[in-house]
Amino acid sequence: MSRRLSGLQKDVLALYRSILRQASVIDRQRQCKGETSSFVQLISNDSETSISHAREKFRKEAMSVRRSDFKRIEYKIRKGEKQLKLMKMPGVSLVGPGA
């Protein structure tokens, strides 16, 4: 039996999935350009991949907000959507601290 999600929870999950999807696109583009050495490096839990950076950043941001702080959660969602829009811009080849 699964629990029903609130609208805010659905928004957070949708944003998380979108960010991971875009990060994987960026990593695949880097692989095609030859900026990474192998596919194993992309799927590993290496901090050099955009996916792992996105996961760590999302987790860190989520831990900094209380569940009952709806205004801050909504703010973080808006901020994340803006960052996602930037990630989708052409020419973005790396997402992370080394970018």
PDB file of N, CA and C in Angstrom:
ATOM      1  N   MET A   1       0.838  -1.161   0.000  1.00  0.00           N
ATOM      2  CA  MET A   1       0.000   0.000   0.000  1.00  0.00           C
ATOM      3  C   MET A   1       0.895   1.240   0.000  1.00  0.00           C
ATOM      4  N   SER A   2       0.758   2.060  -1.005  1.00  0.00           N
ATOM      5  CA  SER A   2       1.599   3.246  -1.081  1.00  0.00           C
ATOM      6  C   SER A   2       0.884   4.464  -0.502  1.00  0.00           C
ATOM      7  N   ARG A   3       1.692   5.358  -0.011  1.00  0.00           N
ATOM      8  CA  ARG A   3       1.180   6.574   0.589  1.00  0.00           C
ATOM      9  C   ARG A   3       0.954   7.628  -0.481  1.00  0.00           C
ATOM     10  N   ARG A   4      -0.087   8.402  -0.356  1.00  0.00           N
ATOM     11  CA  ARG A   4      -0.330   9.484  -1.302  1.00  0.00           C
ATOM     12  C   ARG A   4       0.624  10.632  -1.024  1.00  0.00           C
ATOM     13  N   LEU A   5       1.103  11.236  -2.080  1.00  0.00           N
ATOM     14  CA  LEU A   5       2.021  12.355  -1.946  1.00  0.00           C
ATOM     15  C   LEU A   5       1.266  13.665  -2.079  1.00  0.00           C
ATOM     16  N   SER A   6       1.715  14.665  -1.347  1.00  0.00           N
ATOM     17  CA  SER A   6       1.123  15.992  -1.467  1.00  0.00           C
ATOM     18  C   SER A   6       1.617  16.634  -2.763  1.00  0.00           C
ATOM     19  N   GLY A   7       1.020  17.737  -3.127  1.00  0.00           N
ATOM     20  CA  GLY A   7       1.429  18.445  -4.331  1.00  0.00           C
ATOM     21  C   GLY A   7       2.866  18.924  -4.250  1.00  0.00           C
ATOM     22  N   LEU A   8       3.256  19.390  -3.081  1.00  0.00           N
ATOM     23  CA  LEU A   8       4.620  19.869  -2.882  1.00  0.00           C
ATOM     24  C   LEU A   8       5.628  18.723  -3.002  1.00  0.00           C
ATOM     25  N   GLN A   9       5.287  17.569  -2.454  1.00  0.00           N
ATOM     26  CA  GLN A   9       6.166  16.401  -2.566  1.00  0.00           C
ATOM     27  C   GLN A   9       6.302  15.966  -4.021  1.00  0.00           C
ATOM     28  N   LYS A  10       5.204  16.019  -4.765  1.00  0.00           N
ATOM     29  CA  LYS A  10       5.256  15.671  -6.187  1.00  0.00           C
ATOM     30  C   LYS A  10       6.145  16.646  -6.951  1.00  0.00           C
ATOM     31  N   ASP A  11       6.055  17.940  -6.594  1.00  0.00           N
ATOM     32  CA  ASP A  11       6.897  18.941  -7.249  1.00  0.00           C
ATOM     33  C   ASP A  11       8.376  18.689  -6.978  1.00  0.00           C
ATOM     34  N   VAL A  12       8.707  18.354  -5.736  1.00  0.00           N
ATOM     35  CA  VAL A  12      10.099  18.082  -5.370  1.00  0.00           C
ATOM     36  C   VAL A  12      10.614  16.857  -6.127  1.00  0.00           C
ATOM     37  N   LEU A  13       9.830  15.799  -6.170  1.00  0.00           N
ATOM     38  CA  LEU A  13      10.252  14.586  -6.882  1.00  0.00           C
ATOM     39  C   LEU A  13      10.398  14.828  -8.382  1.00  0.00           C
ATOM     40  N   ALA A  14       9.486  15.605  -8.956  1.00  0.00           N
ATOM     41  CA  ALA A  14       9.568  15.912 -10.383  1.00  0.00           C
ATOM     42  C   ALA A  14      10.828  16.722 -10.681  1.00  0.00           C
ATOM     43  N   LEU A  15      11.139  17.682  -9.818  1.00  0.00           N
ATOM     44  CA  LEU A  15      12.352  18.474  -9.996  1.00  0.00           C
ATOM     45  C   LEU A  15      13.593  17.592  -9.875  1.00  0.00           C
ATOM     46  N   TYR A  16      13.608  16.715  -8.888  1.00  0.00           N
ATOM     47  CA  TYR A  16      14.747  15.812  -8.678  1.00  0.00           C
ATOM     48  C   TYR A  16      14.966  14.927  -9.902  1.00  0.00           C
ATOM     49  N   ARG A  17      13.893  14.349 -10.421  1.00  0.00           N
ATOM     50  CA  ARG A  17      14.020  13.491 -11.603  1.00  0.00           C
ATOM     51  C   ARG A  17      14.497  14.287 -12.819  1.00  0.00           C
ATOM     52  N   SER A  18      13.976  15.508 -12.975  1.00  0.00           N
ATOM     53  CA  SER A  18      14.387  16.339 -14.110  1.00  0.00           C
ATOM     54  C   SER A  18      15.861  16.707 -14.033  1.00  0.00           C
ATOM     55  N   ILE A  19      16.321  17.045 -12.827  1.00  0.00           N
ATOM     56  CA  ILE A  19      17.731  17.398 -12.657  1.00  0.00           C
ATOM     57  C   ILE A  19      18.623  16.199 -12.950  1.00  0.00           C
ATOM     58  N   LEU A  20      18.256  15.024 -12.437  1.00  0.00           N
ATOM     59  CA  LEU A  20      19.066  13.829 -12.707  1.00  0.00           C
ATOM     60  C   LEU A  20      19.057  13.472 -14.188  1.00  0.00           C
ATOM     61  N   ARG A  21      17.910  13.637 -14.830  1.00  0.00           N
ATOM     62  CA  ARG A  21      17.814  13.349 -16.263  1.00  0.00           C
ATOM     63  C   ARG A  21      18.747  14.275 -17.051  1.00  0.00           C
ATOM     64  N   GLN A  22      18.724  15.572 -16.728  1.00  0.00           N
ATOM     65  CA  GLN A  22      19.570  16.527 -17.434  1.00  0.00           C
ATOM     66  C   GLN A  22      21.048  16.291 -17.125  1.00  0.00           C
ATOM     67  N   ALA A  23      21.362  15.927 -15.900  1.00  0.00           N
ATOM     68  CA  ALA A  23      22.754  15.631 -15.540  1.00  0.00           C
ATOM     69  C   ALA A  23      23.262  14.424 -16.319  1.00  0.00           C
ATOM     70  N   SER A  24      22.406  13.436 -16.532  1.00  0.00           N
ATOM     71  CA  SER A  24      22.835  12.269 -17.310  1.00  0.00           C
ATOM     72  C   SER A  24      23.055  12.649 -18.773  1.00  0.00           C
ATOM     73  N   VAL A  25      22.257  13.569 -19.290  1.00  0.00           N
ATOM     74  CA  VAL A  25      22.457  14.053 -20.660  1.00  0.00           C
ATOM     75  C   VAL A  25      23.811  14.749 -20.765  1.00  0.00           C
ATOM     76  N   ILE A  26      24.130  15.571 -19.782  1.00  0.00           N
ATOM     77  CA  ILE A  26      25.411  16.278 -19.780  1.00  0.00           C
ATOM     78  C   ILE A  26      26.567  15.286 -19.714  1.00  0.00           C
ATOM     79  N   ASP A  27      26.438  14.277 -18.870  1.00  0.00           N
ATOM     80  CA  ASP A  27      27.499  13.270 -18.768  1.00  0.00           C
ATOM     81  C   ASP A  27      27.660  12.497 -20.075  1.00  0.00           C
ATOM     82  N   ARG A  28      26.547  12.168 -20.733  1.00  0.00           N
ATOM     83  CA  ARG A  28      26.636  11.461 -22.015  1.00  0.00           C
ATOM     84  C   ARG A  28      27.295  12.334 -23.073  1.00  0.00           C
ATOM     85  N   GLN A  29      26.984  13.641 -23.061  1.00  0.00           N
ATOM     86  CA  GLN A  29      27.617  14.553 -24.014  1.00  0.00           C
ATOM     87  C   GLN A  29      29.121  14.629 -23.771  1.00  0.00           C
ATOM     88  N   ARG A  30      29.512  14.662 -22.501  1.00  0.00           N
ATOM     89  CA  ARG A  30      30.939  14.674 -22.166  1.00  0.00           C
ATOM     90  C   ARG A  30      31.606  13.396 -22.641  1.00  0.00           C
ATOM     91  N   GLN A  31      30.906  12.275 -22.508  1.00  0.00           N
ATOM     92  CA  GLN A  31      31.472  10.998 -22.933  1.00  0.00           C
ATOM     93  C   GLN A  31      31.661  10.988 -24.451  1.00  0.00           C
ATOM     94  N   CYS A  32      30.682  11.500 -25.184  1.00  0.00           N
ATOM     95  CA  CYS A  32      30.778  11.516 -26.645  1.00  0.00           C
ATOM     96  C   CYS A  32      31.913  12.414 -27.121  1.00  0.00           C
ATOM     97  N   LYS A  33      32.167  13.489 -26.389  1.00  0.00           N
ATOM     98  CA  LYS A  33      33.251  14.399 -26.757  1.00  0.00           C
ATOM     99  C   LYS A  33      34.610  13.868 -26.343  1.00  0.00           C
ATOM    100  N   GLY A  34      34.624  12.767 -25.610  1.00  0.00           N
ATOM    101  CA  GLY A  34      35.888  12.176 -25.199  1.00  0.00           C
ATOM    102  C   GLY A  34      36.470  12.800 -23.944  1.00  0.00           C
ATOM    103  N   GLU A  35      35.659  13.532 -23.184  1.00  0.00           N
ATOM    104  CA  GLU A  35      36.158  14.171 -21.971  1.00  0.00           C
ATOM    105  C   GLU A  35      36.246  13.192 -20.809  1.00  0.00           C
ATOM    106  N   THR A  36      35.622  12.032 -20.944  1.00  0.00           N
ATOM    107  CA  THR A  36      35.729  11.011 -19.901  1.00  0.00           C
ATOM    108  C   THR A  36      36.373   9.785 -20.513  1.00  0.00           C
ATOM    109  N   SER A  37      36.995   8.979 -19.694  1.00  0.00           N
ATOM    110  CA  SER A  37      37.763   7.863 -20.229  1.00  0.00           C
ATOM    111  C   SER A  37      36.917   6.636 -20.535  1.00  0.00           C
ATOM    112  N   SER A  38      35.869   6.380 -19.751  1.00  0.00           N
ATOM    113  CA  SER A  38      35.089   5.179 -19.997  1.00  0.00           C
ATOM    114  C   SER A  38      33.691   5.298 -19.407  1.00  0.00           C
ATOM    115  N   PHE A  39      32.838   4.378 -19.829  1.00  0.00           N
ATOM    116  CA  PHE A  39      31.472   4.354 -19.317  1.00  0.00           C
ATOM    117  C   PHE A  39      31.461   3.995 -17.839  1.00  0.00           C
ATOM    118  N   VAL A  40      32.408   3.190 -17.405  1.00  0.00           N
ATOM    119  CA  VAL A  40      32.482   2.791 -15.995  1.00  0.00           C
ATOM    120  C   VAL A  40      32.650   4.020 -15.117  1.00  0.00           C
ATOM    121  N   GLN A  41      33.411   4.988 -15.589  1.00  0.00           N
ATOM    122  CA  GLN A  41      33.603   6.210 -14.821  1.00  0.00           C
ATOM    123  C   GLN A  41      32.286   6.972 -14.685  1.00  0.00           C
ATOM    124  N   LEU A  42      31.435   6.899 -15.691  1.00  0.00           N
ATOM    125  CA  LEU A  42      30.160   7.609 -15.632  1.00  0.00           C
ATOM    126  C   LEU A  42      29.188   6.972 -14.652  1.00  0.00           C
ATOM    127  N   ILE A  43      29.182   5.647 -14.563  1.00  0.00           N
ATOM    128  CA  ILE A  43      28.215   5.008 -13.680  1.00  0.00           C
ATOM    129  C   ILE A  43      28.749   4.813 -12.270  1.00  0.00           C
ATOM    130  N   SER A  44      30.027   5.075 -12.061  1.00  0.00           N
ATOM    131  CA  SER A  44      30.583   4.919 -10.717  1.00  0.00           C
ATOM    132  C   SER A  44      30.092   6.051  -9.827  1.00  0.00           C
ATOM    133  N   ASN A  45      30.307   5.911  -8.532  1.00  0.00           N
ATOM    134  CA  ASN A  45      29.902   6.935  -7.577  1.00  0.00           C
ATOM    135  C   ASN A  45      31.008   7.978  -7.448  1.00  0.00           C
ATOM    136  N   ASP A  46      31.592   8.346  -8.560  1.00  0.00           N
ATOM    137  CA  ASP A  46      32.700   9.289  -8.604  1.00  0.00           C
ATOM    138  C   ASP A  46      32.166  10.711  -8.494  1.00  0.00           C
ATOM    139  N   SER A  47      32.885  11.552  -7.788  1.00  0.00           N
ATOM    140  CA  SER A  47      32.420  12.923  -7.589  1.00  0.00           C
ATOM    141  C   SER A  47      32.612  13.776  -8.833  1.00  0.00           C
ATOM    142  N   GLU A  48      33.229  13.237  -9.888  1.00  0.00           N
ATOM    143  CA  GLU A  48      33.454  14.006 -11.097  1.00  0.00           C
ATOM    144  C   GLU A  48      32.263  13.973 -12.047  1.00  0.00           C
ATOM    145  N   THR A  49      31.271  13.149 -11.795  1.00  0.00           N
ATOM    146  CA  THR A  49      30.126  13.100 -12.691  1.00  0.00           C
ATOM    147  C   THR A  49      29.082  14.117 -12.270  1.00  0.00           C
ATOM    148  N   SER A  50      28.357  14.610 -13.240  1.00  0.00           N
ATOM    149  CA  SER A  50      27.301  15.580 -12.966  1.00  0.00           C
ATOM    150  C   SER A  50      26.174  14.954 -12.158  1.00  0.00           C
ATOM    151  N   ILE A  51      25.904  13.685 -12.397  1.00  0.00           N
ATOM    152  CA  ILE A  51      24.822  13.007 -11.681  1.00  0.00           C
ATOM    153  C   ILE A  51      25.135  12.927 -10.196  1.00  0.00           C
ATOM    154  N   SER A  52      26.341  12.511  -9.861  1.00  0.00           N
ATOM    155  CA  SER A  52      26.678  12.388  -8.439  1.00  0.00           C
ATOM    156  C   SER A  52      26.696  13.751  -7.759  1.00  0.00           C
ATOM    157  N   HIS A  53      27.155  14.770  -8.485  1.00  0.00           N
ATOM    158  CA  HIS A  53      27.133  16.115  -7.905  1.00  0.00           C
ATOM    159  C   HIS A  53      25.697  16.576  -7.667  1.00  0.00           C
ATOM    160  N   ALA A  54      24.817  16.311  -8.631  1.00  0.00           N
ATOM    161  CA  ALA A  54      23.417  16.716  -8.483  1.00  0.00           C
ATOM    162  C   ALA A  54      22.769  16.005  -7.298  1.00  0.00           C
ATOM    163  N   ARG A  55      23.052  14.717  -7.139  1.00  0.00           N
ATOM    164  CA  ARG A  55      22.504  13.968  -5.999  1.00  0.00           C
ATOM    165  C   ARG A  55      22.982  14.541  -4.673  1.00  0.00           C
ATOM    166  N   GLU A  56      24.292  14.778  -4.579  1.00  0.00           N
ATOM    167  CA  GLU A  56      24.854  15.311  -3.338  1.00  0.00           C
ATOM    168  C   GLU A  56      24.284  16.687  -3.017  1.00  0.00           C
ATOM    169  N   LYS A  57      24.205  17.539  -4.020  1.00  0.00           N
ATOM    170  CA  LYS A  57      23.693  18.902  -3.825  1.00  0.00           C
ATOM    171  C   LYS A  57      22.229  18.860  -3.408  1.00  0.00           C
ATOM    172  N   PHE A  58      21.432  18.027  -4.062  1.00  0.00           N
ATOM    173  CA  PHE A  58      20.010  17.926  -3.740  1.00  0.00           C
ATOM    174  C   PHE A  58      19.828  17.417  -2.316  1.00  0.00           C
ATOM    175  N   ARG A  59      20.590  16.413  -1.939  1.00  0.00           N
ATOM    176  CA  ARG A  59      20.503  15.852  -0.585  1.00  0.00           C
ATOM    177  C   ARG A  59      20.904  16.885   0.462  1.00  0.00           C
ATOM    178  N   LYS A  60      21.972  17.622   0.182  1.00  0.00           N
ATOM    179  CA  LYS A  60      22.442  18.656   1.113  1.00  0.00           C
ATOM    180  C   LYS A  60      21.383  19.743   1.295  1.00  0.00           C
ATOM    181  N   GLU A  61      20.791  20.183   0.190  1.00  0.00           N
ATOM    182  CA  GLU A  61      19.749  21.213   0.265  1.00  0.00           C
ATOM    183  C   GLU A  61      18.520  20.691   1.000  1.00  0.00           C
ATOM    184  N   ALA A  62      18.172  19.437   0.778  1.00  0.00           N
ATOM    185  CA  ALA A  62      16.992  18.859   1.430  1.00  0.00           C
ATOM    186  C   ALA A  62      17.191  18.741   2.936  1.00  0.00           C
ATOM    187  N   MET A  63      18.401  18.414   3.353  1.00  0.00           N
ATOM    188  CA  MET A  63      18.673  18.269   4.786  1.00  0.00           C
ATOM    189  C   MET A  63      18.673  19.610   5.513  1.00  0.00           C
ATOM    190  N   SER A  64      18.825  20.700   4.778  1.00  0.00           N
ATOM    191  CA  SER A  64      18.895  22.012   5.414  1.00  0.00           C
ATOM    192  C   SER A  64      17.520  22.638   5.644  1.00  0.00           C
ATOM    193  N   VAL A  65      16.458  21.948   5.230  1.00  0.00           N
ATOM    194  CA  VAL A  65      15.106  22.506   5.333  1.00  0.00           C
ATOM    195  C   VAL A  65      14.227  21.585   6.168  1.00  0.00           C
ATOM    196  N   ARG A  66      13.475  22.173   7.089  1.00  0.00           N
ATOM    197  CA  ARG A  66      12.519  21.381   7.866  1.00  0.00           C
ATOM    198  C   ARG A  66      11.321  21.028   6.989  1.00  0.00           C
ATOM    199  N   ARG A  67      10.709  19.899   7.270  1.00  0.00           N
ATOM    200  CA  ARG A  67       9.559  19.438   6.481  1.00  0.00           C
ATOM    201  C   ARG A  67       8.377  20.398   6.560  1.00  0.00           C
ATOM    202  N   SER A  68       8.246  21.109   7.658  1.00  0.00           N
ATOM    203  CA  SER A  68       7.093  21.988   7.852  1.00  0.00           C
ATOM    204  C   SER A  68       7.326  23.401   7.325  1.00  0.00           C
ATOM    205  N   ASP A  69       8.510  23.678   6.796  1.00  0.00           N
ATOM    206  CA  ASP A  69       8.836  25.016   6.297  1.00  0.00           C
ATOM    207  C   ASP A  69       8.463  25.112   4.811  1.00  0.00           C
ATOM    208  N   PHE A  70       7.165  25.273   4.556  1.00  0.00           N
ATOM    209  CA  PHE A  70       6.647  25.226   3.187  1.00  0.00           C
ATOM    210  C   PHE A  70       7.168  26.364   2.322  1.00  0.00           C
ATOM    211  N   LYS A  71       7.283  27.548   2.886  1.00  0.00           N
ATOM    212  CA  LYS A  71       7.763  28.685   2.091  1.00  0.00           C
ATOM    213  C   LYS A  71       9.193  28.462   1.608  1.00  0.00           C
ATOM    214  N   ARG A  72      10.043  27.943   2.487  1.00  0.00           N
ATOM    215  CA  ARG A  72      11.425  27.691   2.086  1.00  0.00           C
ATOM    216  C   ARG A  72      11.493  26.559   1.057  1.00  0.00           C
ATOM    217  N   ILE A  73      10.660  25.546   1.214  1.00  0.00           N
ATOM    218  CA  ILE A  73      10.635  24.446   0.239  1.00  0.00           C
ATOM    219  C   ILE A  73      10.216  24.975  -1.127  1.00  0.00           C
ATOM    220  N   GLU A  74       9.182  25.819  -1.150  1.00  0.00           N
ATOM    221  CA  GLU A  74       8.741  26.403  -2.416  1.00  0.00           C
ATOM    222  C   GLU A  74       9.841  27.264  -3.028  1.00  0.00           C
ATOM    223  N   TYR A  75      10.559  28.007  -2.180  1.00  0.00           N
ATOM    224  CA  TYR A  75      11.674  28.821  -2.663  1.00  0.00           C
ATOM    225  C   TYR A  75      12.760  27.932  -3.275  1.00  0.00           C
ATOM    226  N   LYS A  76      13.094  26.838  -2.598  1.00  0.00           N
ATOM    227  CA  LYS A  76      14.124  25.924  -3.093  1.00  0.00           C
ATOM    228  C   LYS A  76      13.693  25.287  -4.415  1.00  0.00           C
ATOM    229  N   ILE A  77      12.398  25.004  -4.561  1.00  0.00           N
ATOM    230  CA  ILE A  77      11.900  24.447  -5.823  1.00  0.00           C
ATOM    231  C   ILE A  77      12.083  25.463  -6.947  1.00  0.00           C
ATOM    232  N   ARG A  78      11.709  26.721  -6.692  1.00  0.00           N
ATOM    233  CA  ARG A  78      11.884  27.760  -7.718  1.00  0.00           C
ATOM    234  C   ARG A  78      13.359  27.927  -8.082  1.00  0.00           C
ATOM    235  N   LYS A  79      14.220  27.922  -7.081  1.00  0.00           N
ATOM    236  CA  LYS A  79      15.659  28.048  -7.309  1.00  0.00           C
ATOM    237  C   LYS A  79      16.173  26.858  -8.125  1.00  0.00           C
ATOM    238  N   GLY A  80      15.710  25.659  -7.798  1.00  0.00           N
ATOM    239  CA  GLY A  80      16.116  24.464  -8.531  1.00  0.00           C
ATOM    240  C   GLY A  80      15.655  24.490  -9.979  1.00  0.00           C
ATOM    241  N   GLU A  81      14.455  25.010 -10.217  1.00  0.00           N
ATOM    242  CA  GLU A  81      13.956  25.111 -11.592  1.00  0.00           C
ATOM    243  C   GLU A  81      14.793  26.089 -12.407  1.00  0.00           C
ATOM    244  N   LYS A  82      15.246  27.171 -11.774  1.00  0.00           N
ATOM    245  CA  LYS A  82      16.127  28.114 -12.472  1.00  0.00           C
ATOM    246  C   LYS A  82      17.465  27.461 -12.798  1.00  0.00           C
ATOM    247  N   GLN A  83      18.003  26.689 -11.854  1.00  0.00           N
ATOM    248  CA  GLN A  83      19.263  25.995 -12.102  1.00  0.00           C
ATOM    249  C   GLN A  83      19.102  24.944 -13.200  1.00  0.00           C
ATOM    250  N   LEU A  84      17.957  24.283 -13.227  1.00  0.00           N
ATOM    251  CA  LEU A  84      17.685  23.301 -14.279  1.00  0.00           C
ATOM    252  C   LEU A  84      17.645  23.983 -15.640  1.00  0.00           C
ATOM    253  N   LYS A  85      17.035  25.148 -15.692  1.00  0.00           N
ATOM    254  CA  LYS A  85      16.980  25.899 -16.945  1.00  0.00           C
ATOM    255  C   LYS A  85      18.396  26.252 -17.412  1.00  0.00           C
ATOM    256  N   LEU A  86      19.268  26.617 -16.471  1.00  0.00           N
ATOM    257  CA  LEU A  86      20.658  26.911 -16.826  1.00  0.00           C
ATOM    258  C   LEU A  86      21.380  25.662 -17.319  1.00  0.00           C
ATOM    259  N   MET A  87      21.095  24.518 -16.696  1.00  0.00           N
ATOM    260  CA  MET A  87      21.724  23.264 -17.115  1.00  0.00           C
ATOM    261  C   MET A  87      21.335  22.889 -18.538  1.00  0.00           C
ATOM    262  N   LYS A  88      20.145  23.284 -18.957  1.00  0.00           N
ATOM    263  CA  LYS A  88      19.651  22.920 -20.286  1.00  0.00           C
ATOM    264  C   LYS A  88      20.203  23.822 -21.382  1.00  0.00           C
ATOM    265  N   MET A  89      20.881  24.899 -20.999  1.00  0.00           N
ATOM    266  CA  MET A  89      21.426  25.813 -21.998  1.00  0.00           C
ATOM    267  C   MET A  89      22.537  25.124 -22.783  1.00  0.00           C
ATOM    268  N   PRO A  90      22.624  25.418 -24.089  1.00  0.00           N
ATOM    269  CA  PRO A  90      23.693  24.811 -24.881  1.00  0.00           C
ATOM    270  C   PRO A  90      25.062  25.295 -24.394  1.00  0.00           C
ATOM    271  N   GLY A  91      26.013  24.409 -24.439  1.00  0.00           N
ATOM    272  CA  GLY A  91      27.362  24.772 -24.031  1.00  0.00           C
ATOM    273  C   GLY A  91      27.714  24.357 -22.618  1.00  0.00           C
ATOM    274  N   VAL A  92      26.742  23.899 -21.845  1.00  0.00           N
ATOM    275  CA  VAL A  92      27.028  23.436 -20.491  1.00  0.00           C
ATOM    276  C   VAL A  92      27.610  22.035 -20.606  1.00  0.00           C
ATOM    277  N   SER A  93      28.858  21.884 -20.147  1.00  0.00           N
ATOM    278  CA  SER A  93      29.502  20.579 -20.294  1.00  0.00           C
ATOM    279  C   SER A  93      29.832  19.916 -18.968  1.00  0.00           C
ATOM    280  N   LEU A  94      29.702  20.642 -17.862  1.00  0.00           N
ATOM    281  CA  LEU A  94      30.023  20.055 -16.567  1.00  0.00           C
ATOM    282  C   LEU A  94      29.199  20.744 -15.496  1.00  0.00           C
ATOM    283  N   VAL A  95      28.618  19.955 -14.636  1.00  0.00           N
ATOM    284  CA  VAL A  95      27.877  20.479 -13.504  1.00  0.00           C
ATOM    285  C   VAL A  95      28.587  19.983 -12.270  1.00  0.00           C
ATOM    286  N   GLY A  96      29.050  20.891 -11.462  1.00  0.00           N
ATOM    287  CA  GLY A  96      29.723  20.475 -10.238  1.00  0.00           C
ATOM    288  C   GLY A  96      30.720  21.494  -9.759  1.00  0.00           C
ATOM    289  N   PRO A  97      31.447  21.141  -8.726  1.00  0.00           N
ATOM    290  CA  PRO A  97      32.388  22.076  -8.131  1.00  0.00           C
ATOM    291  C   PRO A  97      33.550  22.436  -9.051  1.00  0.00           C
ATOM    292  N   GLY A  98      33.890  21.575  -9.982  1.00  0.00           N
ATOM    293  CA  GLY A  98      34.987  21.857 -10.902  1.00  0.00           C
ATOM    294  C   GLY A  98      34.541  22.581 -12.156  1.00  0.00           C
ATOM    295  N   ALA A  99      33.263  22.949 -12.223  1.00  0.00           N
ATOM    296  CA  ALA A  99      32.716  23.560 -13.435  1.00  0.00           C
ATOM    297  C   ALA A  99      33.235  24.955 -13.663  1.00  0.00           C
TER     298      ALA A  99
END
